[in-house]
């Protein structure tokens, strides 16, 4: 595992998730993160399995979060500042939730 992935893994363990854009941790103070393709969401049984996949596929931008002992990896998500637009986009792409940057929590649809 390369050094960036070690830093990312540590961040995930501390924050329960991460957003990476062009191999750099990305955070926003407001707005929403919305997946744009159900087909790009993968699940893993462990962080190591997930980060091995990221490393092997040379993925530079992704969202990753932990929920009920499952690791979720999303390689197609976008930042949307407006709540209504975020909800509309999520529903269009058959998503179950969006991530609220201001509260650092999911909003279940």
Foldseek 3Di string as FASTA:
>chain_A
DDPLLVVLVVVCVVQQKFWFDQSHTDADQWFKKAFQAPVQKDKDQDSVVVSVVCVVVVQGTWIWGDDPSIIIIGNGIDTDRDPVVRVVSNVVRVHQWMATRNVRDIDGD
